[in-house]
C-alpha cells in the first residue's frame, strides 16, 4: 500500500510539463480580460512593500535595506499562506 502511494507521488513529480501547462492555463484564464494581468499584482505588491518599508524603517530607526528584505520576505510568505487557505476552501 505504501509502495503504491510512493509510486503515485513519483509519477506525479515526473510530469513537470503538465504542471507548467496547468499553471499557464490558470494564469491565462484568470487574467484573460486584463491588459496588465499578473504584472499588476506584482507591481502593487512591490509598491506596498517599499512604501511600508520606508515608513516603518524611518519610524523605528532601522536600516532600510535590512528592513525591506525582512518585510518583503515575510509579506510574500504571508500572501502565499493566505492565498493557499483562501483558494482551498
Protein backbone atom coordinates (compact mmCIF):
# COMPACT_ATOMS: atom_id res chain seq x y z
CA UNK A 1 0.00 0.00 0.00
CA UNK A 2 2.77 2.44 0.96
CA UNK A 3 4.77 1.49 -2.14
CA UNK A 4 1.80 2.32 -4.38
CA UNK A 5 1.48 5.72 -2.75
CA UNK A 6 5.17 6.44 -3.30
CA UNK A 7 4.93 5.33 -6.93
CA UNK A 8 1.94 7.61 -7.43
CA UNK A 9 3.79 10.58 -5.93
CA UNK A 10 6.87 9.82 -8.03
CA UNK A 11 4.74 9.60 -11.17
CA UNK A 12 3.19 12.97 -10.42
CA UNK A 13 6.56 14.59 -9.79
CA UNK A 14 7.82 13.45 -13.20
CA UNK A 15 5.10 15.39 -15.05
CA UNK A 16 6.63 18.87 -14.84
CA UNK A 17 5.39 19.81 -18.33
CA UNK A 18 1.83 19.09 -17.21
CA UNK A 19 2.31 21.31 -14.13
CA UNK A 20 3.63 24.13 -16.31
CA UNK A 21 0.71 23.78 -18.70
CA UNK A 22 -1.88 23.83 -15.92
CA UNK A 23 -0.27 26.86 -14.25
CA UNK A 24 -0.10 28.72 -17.58
CA UNK A 25 -3.74 27.93 -18.33
CA UNK A 26 -4.83 29.22 -14.92
CA UNK A 27 -2.96 32.49 -15.44
CA UNK A 28 -4.45 32.91 -18.92
CA UNK A 29 -7.99 32.19 -17.71
CA UNK A 30 -7.74 34.35 -14.60
CA UNK A 31 -6.33 37.42 -16.40
CA UNK A 32 -7.96 36.94 -19.79
CA UNK A 33 -9.71 40.34 -19.86
CA UNK A 34 -6.93 42.29 -18.18
CA UNK A 35 -4.33 44.34 -20.00
CA UNK A 36 -1.68 44.24 -17.29
CA UNK A 37 -2.64 40.86 -15.87
CA UNK A 38 -0.37 39.30 -13.27
CA UNK A 39 2.14 42.14 -13.61
CA UNK A 40 -0.30 44.46 -11.84
CA UNK A 41 -0.36 42.20 -8.78
CA UNK A 42 3.44 42.11 -8.73
CA UNK A 43 3.68 45.89 -9.11
CA UNK A 44 1.09 46.62 -6.42
CA UNK A 45 2.81 44.24 -4.00
CA UNK A 46 6.18 45.87 -4.69
CA UNK A 47 4.76 49.37 -4.21
CA UNK A 48 3.11 48.33 -0.94
CA UNK A 49 6.24 46.67 0.47
CA UNK A 50 8.52 49.57 -0.49
CA UNK A 51 6.19 52.22 0.92
CA UNK A 52 5.64 50.34 4.19
CA UNK A 53 9.40 49.74 4.46
CA UNK A 54 10.15 53.43 4.05
CA UNK A 55 7.59 54.46 6.65
CA UNK A 56 8.42 51.88 9.30
CA UNK A 57 12.20 51.88 8.84
CA UNK A 58 12.11 55.63 9.43
CA UNK A 59 9.70 55.27 12.33
CA UNK A 60 11.76 52.57 14.07
CA UNK A 61 15.19 54.00 13.03
CA UNK A 62 16.20 50.84 11.17
CA UNK A 63 18.40 50.37 8.11
CA UNK A 64 16.02 50.30 5.14
CA UNK A 65 17.98 47.57 3.29
CA UNK A 66 17.57 45.07 6.10
CA UNK A 67 14.03 46.12 6.91
CA UNK A 68 12.96 45.88 3.26
CA UNK A 69 14.41 42.38 2.99
CA UNK A 70 12.65 41.06 6.10
CA UNK A 71 9.37 42.80 5.36
CA UNK A 72 9.22 41.64 1.74
CA UNK A 73 10.08 38.06 2.64
CA UNK A 74 7.53 37.99 5.44
CA UNK A 75 4.87 39.60 3.28
CA UNK A 76 5.42 37.14 0.42
CA UNK A 77 5.27 34.14 2.76
CA UNK A 78 2.12 35.53 4.39
CA UNK A 79 0.47 36.10 1.00
CA UNK A 80 1.34 32.56 -0.08
CA UNK A 81 -0.21 31.06 3.05
CA UNK A 82 -3.22 33.36 2.79
CA UNK A 83 -3.94 32.54 -0.85
CA UNK A 84 -3.44 28.82 -0.25
CA UNK A 85 -6.03 28.82 2.53
CA UNK A 86 -8.48 31.01 0.59
CA UNK A 87 -8.31 29.00 -2.64
CA UNK A 88 -8.53 25.65 -0.88
CA UNK A 89 -11.95 26.47 0.54
